PDB file of N, CA and C in Angstrom:
ATOM      1  N   MET A   1      98.084 101.410 131.761  1.00  0.00           N
ATOM      2  CA  MET A   1      97.126 101.931 131.116  1.00  0.00           C
ATOM      3  C   MET A   1      95.929 100.805 131.366  1.00  0.00           C
ATOM      4  N   THR A   2      94.661 101.304 131.489  1.00  0.00           N
ATOM      5  CA  THR A   2      93.433 100.378 131.389  1.00  0.00           C
ATOM      6  C   THR A   2      93.310  99.808 130.348  1.00  0.00           C
ATOM      7  N   GLU A   3      92.436  98.713 130.406  1.00  0.00           N
ATOM      8  CA  GLU A   3      91.945  97.861 129.029  1.00  0.00           C
ATOM      9  C   GLU A   3      91.354  98.829 128.194  1.00  0.00           C
ATOM     10  N   LEU A   4      90.345  99.766 128.558  1.00  0.00           N
ATOM     11  CA  LEU A   4      89.856 100.776 127.558  1.00  0.00           C
ATOM     12  C   LEU A   4      90.658 101.388 126.844  1.00  0.00           C
ATOM     13  N   GLY A   5      91.927 101.972 127.546  1.00  0.00           N
ATOM     14  CA  GLY A   5      92.988 102.750 126.985  1.00  0.00           C
ATOM     15  C   GLY A   5      93.831 102.008 125.948  1.00  0.00           C
ATOM     16  N   VAL A   6      93.996 100.583 126.182  1.00  0.00           N
ATOM     17  CA  VAL A   6      94.874  99.823 125.468  1.00  0.00           C
ATOM     18  C   VAL A   6      94.257  99.510 123.986  1.00  0.00           C
ATOM     19  N   GLU A   7      92.978  99.050 124.138  1.00  0.00           N
ATOM     20  CA  GLU A   7      92.259  98.681 122.785  1.00  0.00           C
ATOM     21  C   GLU A   7      92.454  99.498 121.737  1.00  0.00           C
ATOM     22  N   PRO A   8      91.994 100.743 121.954  1.00  0.00           N
ATOM     23  CA  PRO A   8      92.117 101.835 120.714  1.00  0.00           C
ATOM     24  C   PRO A   8      93.586 101.953 120.272  1.00  0.00           C
ATOM     25  N   LEU A   9      94.393 102.011 121.196  1.00  0.00           N
ATOM     26  CA  LEU A   9      95.828 102.137 120.851  1.00  0.00           C
ATOM     27  C   LEU A   9      96.486 101.102 119.921  1.00  0.00           C
ATOM     28  N   VAL A  10      96.104  99.681 120.489  1.00  0.00           N
ATOM     29  CA  VAL A  10      96.308  98.566 119.571  1.00  0.00           C
ATOM     30  C   VAL A  10      95.898  98.584 118.063  1.00  0.00           C
ATOM     31  N   ARG A  11      94.530  98.811 118.186  1.00  0.00           N
ATOM     32  CA  ARG A  11      93.655  98.995 116.965  1.00  0.00           C
ATOM     33  C   ARG A  11      94.442 100.064 115.935  1.00  0.00           C
ATOM     34  N   ARG A  12      94.690 101.136 116.606  1.00  0.00           N
ATOM     35  CA  ARG A  12      95.465 102.306 115.850  1.00  0.00           C
ATOM     36  C   ARG A  12      96.704 101.813 115.021  1.00  0.00           C
ATOM     37  N   LEU A  13      97.611 101.246 115.989  1.00  0.00           N
ATOM     38  CA  LEU A  13      98.855 100.766 115.580  1.00  0.00           C
ATOM     39  C   LEU A  13      98.462  99.637 114.459  1.00  0.00           C
ATOM     40  N   GLU A  14      97.477  98.987 114.703  1.00  0.00           N
ATOM     41  CA  GLU A  14      97.366  97.927 113.464  1.00  0.00           C
ATOM     42  C   GLU A  14      96.878  98.500 112.300  1.00  0.00           C
ATOM     43  N   GLN A  15      96.167  99.529 112.332  1.00  0.00           N
ATOM     44  CA  GLN A  15      95.735 100.327 111.085  1.00  0.00           C
ATOM     45  C   GLN A  15      96.954 100.879 110.304  1.00  0.00           C
ATOM     46  N   GLN A  16      97.845 101.241 111.378  1.00  0.00           N
ATOM     47  CA  GLN A  16      99.009 102.163 110.711  1.00  0.00           C
ATOM     48  C   GLN A  16      99.906 101.006 109.992  1.00  0.00           C
ATOM     49  N   ARG A  17     100.240  99.998 110.635  1.00  0.00           N
ATOM     50  CA  ARG A  17     101.020  99.020 110.047  1.00  0.00           C
ATOM     51  C   ARG A  17     100.438  98.540 108.815  1.00  0.00           C
ATOM     52  N   HIS A  18      99.485  98.302 108.620  1.00  0.00           N
ATOM     53  CA  HIS A  18      98.548  97.974 107.460  1.00  0.00           C
ATOM     54  C   HIS A  18      98.678  98.878 106.385  1.00  0.00           C
ATOM     55  N   TRP A  19      98.481 100.365 106.706  1.00  0.00           N
ATOM     56  CA  TRP A  19      98.732 101.380 105.802  1.00  0.00           C
ATOM     57  C   TRP A  19     100.073 101.371 105.215  1.00  0.00           C
ATOM     58  N   GLN A  20     100.900 101.023 106.064  1.00  0.00           N
ATOM     59  CA  GLN A  20     102.425 101.265 105.582  1.00  0.00           C
ATOM     60  C   GLN A  20     102.865  99.897 104.773  1.00  0.00           C
ATOM     61  N   GLN A  21     101.930  99.015 104.459  1.00  0.00           N
ATOM     62  CA  GLN A  21     102.298  98.000 103.586  1.00  0.00           C
ATOM     63  C   GLN A  21     102.618  98.549 102.108  1.00  0.00           C
ATOM     64  N   ALA A  22     102.116  99.692 101.706  1.00  0.00           N
ATOM     65  CA  ALA A  22     102.288 100.276 100.455  1.00  0.00           C
ATOM     66  C   ALA A  22     103.692 100.874 100.174  1.00  0.00           C
ATOM     67  N   VAL A  23     104.236 100.461  99.336  1.00  0.00           N
ATOM     68  CA  VAL A  23     105.645 101.075  98.917  1.00  0.00           C
ATOM     69  C   VAL A  23     105.631 102.546  99.018  1.00  0.00           C
ATOM     70  N   THR A  24     104.454 102.984  98.132  1.00  0.00           N
ATOM     71  CA  THR A  24     104.518 104.535  98.121  1.00  0.00           C
ATOM     72  C   THR A  24     104.219 105.109  99.354  1.00  0.00           C
ATOM     73  N   VAL A  25     103.680 104.588 100.305  1.00  0.00           N
ATOM     74  CA  VAL A  25     103.561 105.290 101.687  1.00  0.00           C
ATOM     75  C   VAL A  25     105.110 105.234 102.156  1.00  0.00           C
ATOM     76  N   ARG A  26     105.660 104.387 102.076  1.00  0.00           N
ATOM     77  CA  ARG A  26     106.977 104.128 102.636  1.00  0.00           C
ATOM     78  C   ARG A  26     107.997 105.130 101.927  1.00  0.00           C
ATOM     79  N   GLU A  27     107.862 105.516 100.717  1.00  0.00           N
ATOM     80  CA  GLU A  27     108.632 106.210  99.956  1.00  0.00           C
ATOM     81  C   GLU A  27     108.053 107.767  99.817  1.00  0.00           C
ATOM     82  N   GLY A  28     107.120 108.054 100.629  1.00  0.00           N
ATOM     83  CA  GLY A  28     106.461 109.371 100.827  1.00  0.00           C
ATOM     84  C   GLY A  28     105.764 109.664  99.517  1.00  0.00           C
ATOM     85  N   LYS A  29     105.346 109.049  98.867  1.00  0.00           N
ATOM     86  CA  LYS A  29     104.442 109.353  97.618  1.00  0.00           C
ATOM     87  C   LYS A  29     102.986 109.230  98.040  1.00  0.00           C
ATOM     88  N   GLN A  30     102.698 108.696  98.915  1.00  0.00           N
ATOM     89  CA  GLN A  30     101.199 108.882  99.511  1.00  0.00           C
ATOM     90  C   GLN A  30     101.571 109.312 101.105  1.00  0.00           C
ATOM     91  N   PRO A  31     100.448 109.801 101.646  1.00  0.00           N
ATOM     92  CA  PRO A  31     100.478 110.367 102.841  1.00  0.00           C
ATOM     93  C   PRO A  31     100.970 109.251 103.834  1.00  0.00           C
ATOM     94  N   PRO A  32     101.694 109.660 104.893  1.00  0.00           N
ATOM     95  CA  PRO A  32     102.094 108.698 105.806  1.00  0.00           C
ATOM     96  C   PRO A  32     101.191 108.190 106.788  1.00  0.00           C
ATOM     97  N   ILE A  33      99.892 108.837 107.011  1.00  0.00           N
ATOM     98  CA  ILE A  33      98.601 108.447 107.467  1.00  0.00           C
ATOM     99  C   ILE A  33      97.531 108.417 106.819  1.00  0.00           C
ATOM    100  N   ASP A  34      96.678 107.451 106.806  1.00  0.00           N
ATOM    101  CA  ASP A  34      95.466 107.411 105.955  1.00  0.00           C
ATOM    102  C   ASP A  34      94.681 108.612 106.107  1.00  0.00           C
ATOM    103  N   PRO A  35      94.388 109.274 105.084  1.00  0.00           N
ATOM    104  CA  PRO A  35      93.555 110.469 105.036  1.00  0.00           C
ATOM    105  C   PRO A  35      92.166 110.155 105.756  1.00  0.00           C
ATOM    106  N   ASP A  36      91.842 108.984 105.369  1.00  0.00           N
ATOM    107  CA  ASP A  36      90.433 108.563 105.515  1.00  0.00           C
ATOM    108  C   ASP A  36      90.193 107.734 107.154  1.00  0.00           C
ATOM    109  N   GLY A  37      91.583 107.485 107.531  1.00  0.00           N
ATOM    110  CA  GLY A  37      91.487 106.521 108.567  1.00  0.00           C
ATOM    111  C   GLY A  37      90.485 106.800 109.576  1.00  0.00           C
ATOM    112  N   ALA A  38      89.904 107.968 109.990  1.00  0.00           N
ATOM    113  CA  ALA A  38      88.965 107.904 110.898  1.00  0.00           C
ATOM    114  C   ALA A  38      87.671 107.441 110.627  1.00  0.00           C
ATOM    115  N   ASP A  39      87.474 107.129 109.323  1.00  0.00           N
ATOM    116  CA  ASP A  39      86.339 106.479 108.858  1.00  0.00           C
ATOM    117  C   ASP A  39      86.521 104.929 108.571  1.00  0.00           C
ATOM    118  N   LEU A  40      87.818 104.332 108.774  1.00  0.00           N
ATOM    119  CA  LEU A  40      88.007 102.984 108.723  1.00  0.00           C
ATOM    120  C   LEU A  40      87.194 102.045 109.506  1.00  0.00           C
ATOM    121  N   GLU A  41      86.686 101.077 108.639  1.00  0.00           N
ATOM    122  CA  GLU A  41      85.543 100.187 109.378  1.00  0.00           C
ATOM    123  C   GLU A  41      86.296  98.895 109.609  1.00  0.00           C
ATOM    124  N   GLU A  42      86.964  98.360 108.587  1.00  0.00           N
ATOM    125  CA  GLU A  42      87.304  96.969 108.313  1.00  0.00           C
ATOM    126  C   GLU A  42      88.539  97.033 107.522  1.00  0.00           C
ATOM    127  N   ILE A  43      89.648  96.202 108.085  1.00  0.00           N
ATOM    128  CA  ILE A  43      90.871  95.842 107.400  1.00  0.00           C
ATOM    129  C   ILE A  43      90.963  94.428 107.138  1.00  0.00           C
ATOM    130  N   ARG A  44      91.218  94.204 105.671  1.00  0.00           N
ATOM    131  CA  ARG A  44      91.303  92.908 104.946  1.00  0.00           C
ATOM    132  C   ARG A  44      92.779  92.767 104.655  1.00  0.00           C
ATOM    133  N   SER A  45      93.093  91.690 104.066  1.00  0.00           N
ATOM    134  CA  SER A  45      94.624  91.613 103.583  1.00  0.00           C
ATOM    135  C   SER A  45      95.433  92.675 102.978  1.00  0.00           C
ATOM    136  N   SER A  46      94.620  92.947 101.645  1.00  0.00           N
ATOM    137  CA  SER A  46      95.142  94.314 100.791  1.00  0.00           C
ATOM    138  C   SER A  46      93.893  95.015 100.716  1.00  0.00           C
ATOM    139  N   ARG A  47      93.071  95.212 101.274  1.00  0.00           N
ATOM    140  CA  ARG A  47      91.788  96.116 101.451  1.00  0.00           C
ATOM    141  C   ARG A  47      91.550  96.860 102.571  1.00  0.00           C
ATOM    142  N   ARG A  48      91.105  98.073 102.417  1.00  0.00           N
ATOM    143  CA  ARG A  48      90.656  98.893 103.611  1.00  0.00           C
ATOM    144  C   ARG A  48      89.202  99.304 103.324  1.00  0.00           C
ATOM    145  N   VAL A  49      88.116  99.009 104.258  1.00  0.00           N
ATOM    146  CA  VAL A  49      86.732  99.342 103.890  1.00  0.00           C
ATOM    147  C   VAL A  49      86.365 100.517 105.035  1.00  0.00           C
ATOM    148  N   TYR A  50      85.773 101.446 104.419  1.00  0.00           N
ATOM    149  CA  TYR A  50      85.372 102.551 105.174  1.00  0.00           C
ATOM    150  C   TYR A  50      83.930 102.805 105.400  1.00  0.00           C
ATOM    151  N   ARG A  51      83.607 103.424 106.579  1.00  0.00           N
ATOM    152  CA  ARG A  51      82.005 103.627 106.817  1.00  0.00           C
ATOM    153  C   ARG A  51      81.446 104.693 105.807  1.00  0.00           C
ATOM    154  N   ARG A  52      82.350 105.454 105.156  1.00  0.00           N
ATOM    155  CA  ARG A  52      81.786 106.694 104.350  1.00  0.00           C
ATOM    156  C   ARG A  52      81.153 105.878 102.945  1.00  0.00           C
ATOM    157  N   THR A  53      79.953 106.254 102.888  1.00  0.00           N
ATOM    158  CA  THR A  53      78.913 105.881 101.747  1.00  0.00           C
ATOM    159  C   THR A  53      78.473 107.126 101.005  1.00  0.00           C
ATOM    160  N   ARG A  54      78.097 106.882  99.792  1.00  0.00           N
ATOM    161  CA  ARG A  54      77.259 107.825  98.969  1.00  0.00           C
ATOM    162  C   ARG A  54      76.107 107.154  98.518  1.00  0.00           C
ATOM    163  N   ARG A  55      74.967 107.797  98.386  1.00  0.00           N
ATOM    164  CA  ARG A  55      73.553 107.370  97.828  1.00  0.00           C
ATOM    165  C   ARG A  55      73.348 108.229  96.872  1.00  0.00           C
ATOM    166  N   GLN A  56      73.169 107.880  95.611  1.00  0.00           N
ATOM    167  CA  GLN A  56      72.489 108.754  94.632  1.00  0.00           C
ATOM    168  C   GLN A  56      71.681 108.081  93.557  1.00  0.00           C
ATOM    169  N   TYR A  57      71.067 109.058  93.062  1.00  0.00           N
ATOM    170  CA  TYR A  57      69.909 108.296  92.074  1.00  0.00           C
ATOM    171  C   TYR A  57      70.554 108.114  90.796  1.00  0.00           C
ATOM    172  N   GLU A  58      70.376 107.049  89.990  1.00  0.00           N
ATOM    173  CA  GLU A  58      70.881 106.681  88.757  1.00  0.00           C
ATOM    174  C   GLU A  58      69.985 105.857  87.946  1.00  0.00           C
ATOM    175  N   MET A  59      70.239 105.741  86.867  1.00  0.00           N
ATOM    176  CA  MET A  59      69.321 104.896  85.814  1.00  0.00           C
ATOM    177  C   MET A  59      70.338 103.706  85.551  1.00  0.00           C
ATOM    178  N   ILE A  60      69.414 102.712  85.923  1.00  0.00           N
ATOM    179  CA  ILE A  60      70.015 101.107  85.580  1.00  0.00           C
ATOM    180  C   ILE A  60      69.305 100.393  84.954  1.00  0.00           C
ATOM    181  N   ASP A  61      69.740  99.980  83.605  1.00  0.00           N
ATOM    182  CA  ASP A  61      68.967  99.139  82.663  1.00  0.00           C
ATOM    183  C   ASP A  61      67.675  99.874  82.292  1.00  0.00           C
ATOM    184  N   GLY A  62      67.572 101.187  82.240  1.00  0.00           N
ATOM    185  CA  GLY A  62      66.446 101.874  81.790  1.00  0.00           C
ATOM    186  C   GLY A  62      65.414 102.129  83.227  1.00  0.00           C
ATOM    187  N   ARG A  63      65.823 101.751  84.363  1.00  0.00           N
ATOM    188  CA  ARG A  63      65.037 101.820  85.396  1.00  0.00           C
ATOM    189  C   ARG A  63      65.690 102.746  86.579  1.00  0.00           C
ATOM    190  N   ALA A  64      65.055 103.573  87.225  1.00  0.00           N
ATOM    191  CA  ALA A  64      65.418 104.452  88.234  1.00  0.00           C
ATOM    192  C   ALA A  64      65.735 103.577  89.695  1.00  0.00           C
ATOM    193  N   ALA A  65      66.777 104.145  90.138  1.00  0.00           N
ATOM    194  CA  ALA A  65      67.364 103.385  91.448  1.00  0.00           C
ATOM    195  C   ALA A  65      68.230 104.257  92.112  1.00  0.00           C
ATOM    196  N   PHE A  66      68.194 104.095  93.518  1.00  0.00           N
ATOM    197  CA  PHE A  66      69.006 104.516  94.441  1.00  0.00           C
ATOM    198  C   PHE A  66      70.096 103.612  94.642  1.00  0.00           C
ATOM    199  N   VAL A  67      71.347 104.046  94.083  1.00  0.00           N
ATOM    200  CA  VAL A  67      72.617 103.238  94.255  1.00  0.00           C
ATOM    201  C   VAL A  67      73.513 103.768  95.592  1.00  0.00           C
ATOM    202  N   THR A  68      73.847 102.745  96.470  1.00  0.00           N
ATOM    203  CA  THR A  68      74.587 103.188  97.483  1.00  0.00           C
ATOM    204  C   THR A  68      76.128 102.497  97.264  1.00  0.00           C
ATOM    205  N   ARG A  69      77.078 103.372  97.529  1.00  0.00           N
ATOM    206  CA  ARG A  69      78.483 103.135  97.071  1.00  0.00           C
ATOM    207  C   ARG A  69      79.330 103.247  98.499  1.00  0.00           C
ATOM    208  N   ARG A  70      80.072 102.267  98.679  1.00  0.00           N
ATOM    209  CA  ARG A  70      80.985 102.533  99.928  1.00  0.00           C
ATOM    210  C   ARG A  70      82.486 102.782  99.283  1.00  0.00           C
ATOM    211  N   LEU A  71      83.299 103.601 100.276  1.00  0.00           N
ATOM    212  CA  LEU A  71      84.651 103.924 100.098  1.00  0.00           C
ATOM    213  C   LEU A  71      85.564 102.746 100.591  1.00  0.00           C
ATOM    214  N   GLN A  72      86.414 102.287  99.655  1.00  0.00           N
ATOM    215  CA  GLN A  72      87.359 101.235  99.853  1.00  0.00           C
ATOM    216  C   GLN A  72      88.661 101.379  99.197  1.00  0.00           C
ATOM    217  N   LYS A  73      89.743 101.062  99.630  1.00  0.00           N
ATOM    218  CA  LYS A  73      91.085 101.363  99.163  1.00  0.00           C
ATOM    219  C   LYS A  73      91.850 100.014  99.033  1.00  0.00           C
ATOM    220  N   ASP A  74      92.243  99.597  97.789  1.00  0.00           N
ATOM    221  CA  ASP A  74      92.918  98.271  97.470  1.00  0.00           C
ATOM    222  C   ASP A  74      94.232  98.678  97.278  1.00  0.00           C
ATOM    223  N   LEU A  75      95.082  97.743  97.804  1.00  0.00           N
ATOM    224  CA  LEU A  75      96.632  97.918  97.441  1.00  0.00           C
ATOM    225  C   LEU A  75      96.794  97.291  96.172  1.00  0.00           C
ATOM    226  N   GLN A  76      97.446  98.142  95.297  1.00  0.00           N
ATOM    227  CA  GLN A  76      97.524  97.519  93.797  1.00  0.00           C
ATOM    228  C   GLN A  76      99.084  98.325  93.304  1.00  0.00           C
ATOM    229  N   ASN A  77      99.793  97.268  93.016  1.00  0.00           N
ATOM    230  CA  ASN A  77     101.060  97.717  92.458  1.00  0.00           C
ATOM    231  C   ASN A  77     101.772  98.688  93.570  1.00  0.00           C
ATOM    232  N   GLY A  78     101.752  98.472  94.830  1.00  0.00           N
ATOM    233  CA  GLY A  78     102.466  98.984  95.703  1.00  0.00           C
ATOM    234  C   GLY A  78     101.715 100.449  96.199  1.00  0.00           C
ATOM    235  N   ALA A  79     100.556 100.444  95.838  1.00  0.00           N
ATOM    236  CA  ALA A  79      99.942 101.943  96.271  1.00  0.00           C
ATOM    237  C   ALA A  79      98.497 101.736  96.705  1.00  0.00           C
ATOM    238  N   TRP A  80      98.031 102.476  97.577  1.00  0.00           N
ATOM    239  CA  TRP A  80      96.668 102.471  97.872  1.00  0.00           C
ATOM    240  C   TRP A  80      95.681 103.124  96.724  1.00  0.00           C
ATOM    241  N   VAL A  81      94.689 102.458  96.303  1.00  0.00           N
ATOM    242  CA  VAL A  81      93.820 103.107  95.232  1.00  0.00           C
ATOM    243  C   VAL A  81      92.494 103.045  95.742  1.00  0.00           C
ATOM    244  N   SER A  82      91.837 104.206  95.820  1.00  0.00           N
ATOM    245  CA  SER A  82      90.628 104.489  96.269  1.00  0.00           C
ATOM    246  C   SER A  82      89.484 103.992  95.210  1.00  0.00           C
ATOM    247  N   ASP A  83      88.300 103.516  95.636  1.00  0.00           N
ATOM    248  CA  ASP A  83      87.164 103.220  94.667  1.00  0.00           C
ATOM    249  C   ASP A  83      86.018 103.511  95.400  1.00  0.00           C
ATOM    250  N   MET A  84      85.025 103.873  94.939  1.00  0.00           N
ATOM    251  CA  MET A  84      83.497 103.867  95.540  1.00  0.00           C
ATOM    252  C   MET A  84      83.019 102.624  95.013  1.00  0.00           C
ATOM    253  N   VAL A  85      82.634 101.428  95.636  1.00  0.00           N
ATOM    254  CA  VAL A  85      82.277 100.344  95.332  1.00  0.00           C
ATOM    255  C   VAL A  85      80.613 100.192  95.462  1.00  0.00           C
ATOM    256  N   VAL A  86      80.000  99.593  94.518  1.00  0.00           N
ATOM    257  CA  VAL A  86      78.474  99.553  94.821  1.00  0.00           C
ATOM    258  C   VAL A  86      78.218  98.352  95.942  1.00  0.00           C
ATOM    259  N   GLU A  87      77.468  98.979  96.841  1.00  0.00           N
ATOM    260  CA  GLU A  87      76.982  98.059  97.924  1.00  0.00           C
ATOM    261  C   GLU A  87      75.592  97.915  98.010  1.00  0.00           C
ATOM    262  N   GLY A  88      74.767  98.499  97.280  1.00  0.00           N
ATOM    263  CA  GLY A  88      73.384  98.186  97.275  1.00  0.00           C
ATOM    264  C   GLY A  88      72.571  99.020  96.236  1.00  0.00           C
ATOM    265  N   VAL A  89      71.500  98.272  95.824  1.00  0.00           N
ATOM    266  CA  VAL A  89      70.821  99.010  94.611  1.00  0.00           C
ATOM    267  C   VAL A  89      69.352  98.812  95.150  1.00  0.00           C
ATOM    268  N   GLU A  90      68.578 100.166  95.176  1.00  0.00           N
ATOM    269  CA  GLU A  90      67.228 100.003  95.514  1.00  0.00           C
ATOM    270  C   GLU A  90      66.344 100.537  94.325  1.00  0.00           C
ATOM    271  N   GLU A  91      65.911  99.559  93.704  1.00  0.00           N
ATOM    272  CA  GLU A  91      65.031  99.929  92.534  1.00  0.00           C
ATOM    273  C   GLU A  91      63.909 100.897  92.992  1.00  0.00           C
ATOM    274  N   LEU A  92      63.418 102.059  92.132  1.00  0.00           N
ATOM    275  CA  LEU A  92      62.254 102.736  92.233  1.00  0.00           C
ATOM    276  C   LEU A  92      61.175 102.382  91.458  1.00  0.00           C
ATOM    277  N   ASP A  93      59.973 102.493  91.938  1.00  0.00           N
ATOM    278  CA  ASP A  93      58.750 101.995  91.010  1.00  0.00           C
ATOM    279  C   ASP A  93      58.566 103.314  90.134  1.00  0.00           C
TER     280      ASP A  93
END
């Protein structure tokens, strides 16, 4: 295999090993492969951060703003738990 072919394979195997940290994955209670894996951007010890973001209009402290949230999954009590975490707030005038 060429270097270009090995790198994506090594990354994919690393992502899969990380996903399988969850007891619920190993027990078949969560999918065997991360359904959002194609959007995976970063792996931390017990967190997976994805490229997927959502930007929406909200009122914060009585002021209009666009809030950007990013999908992340945290390993909690042996399961991957999804959350849309605030990444940025752009206040509107």
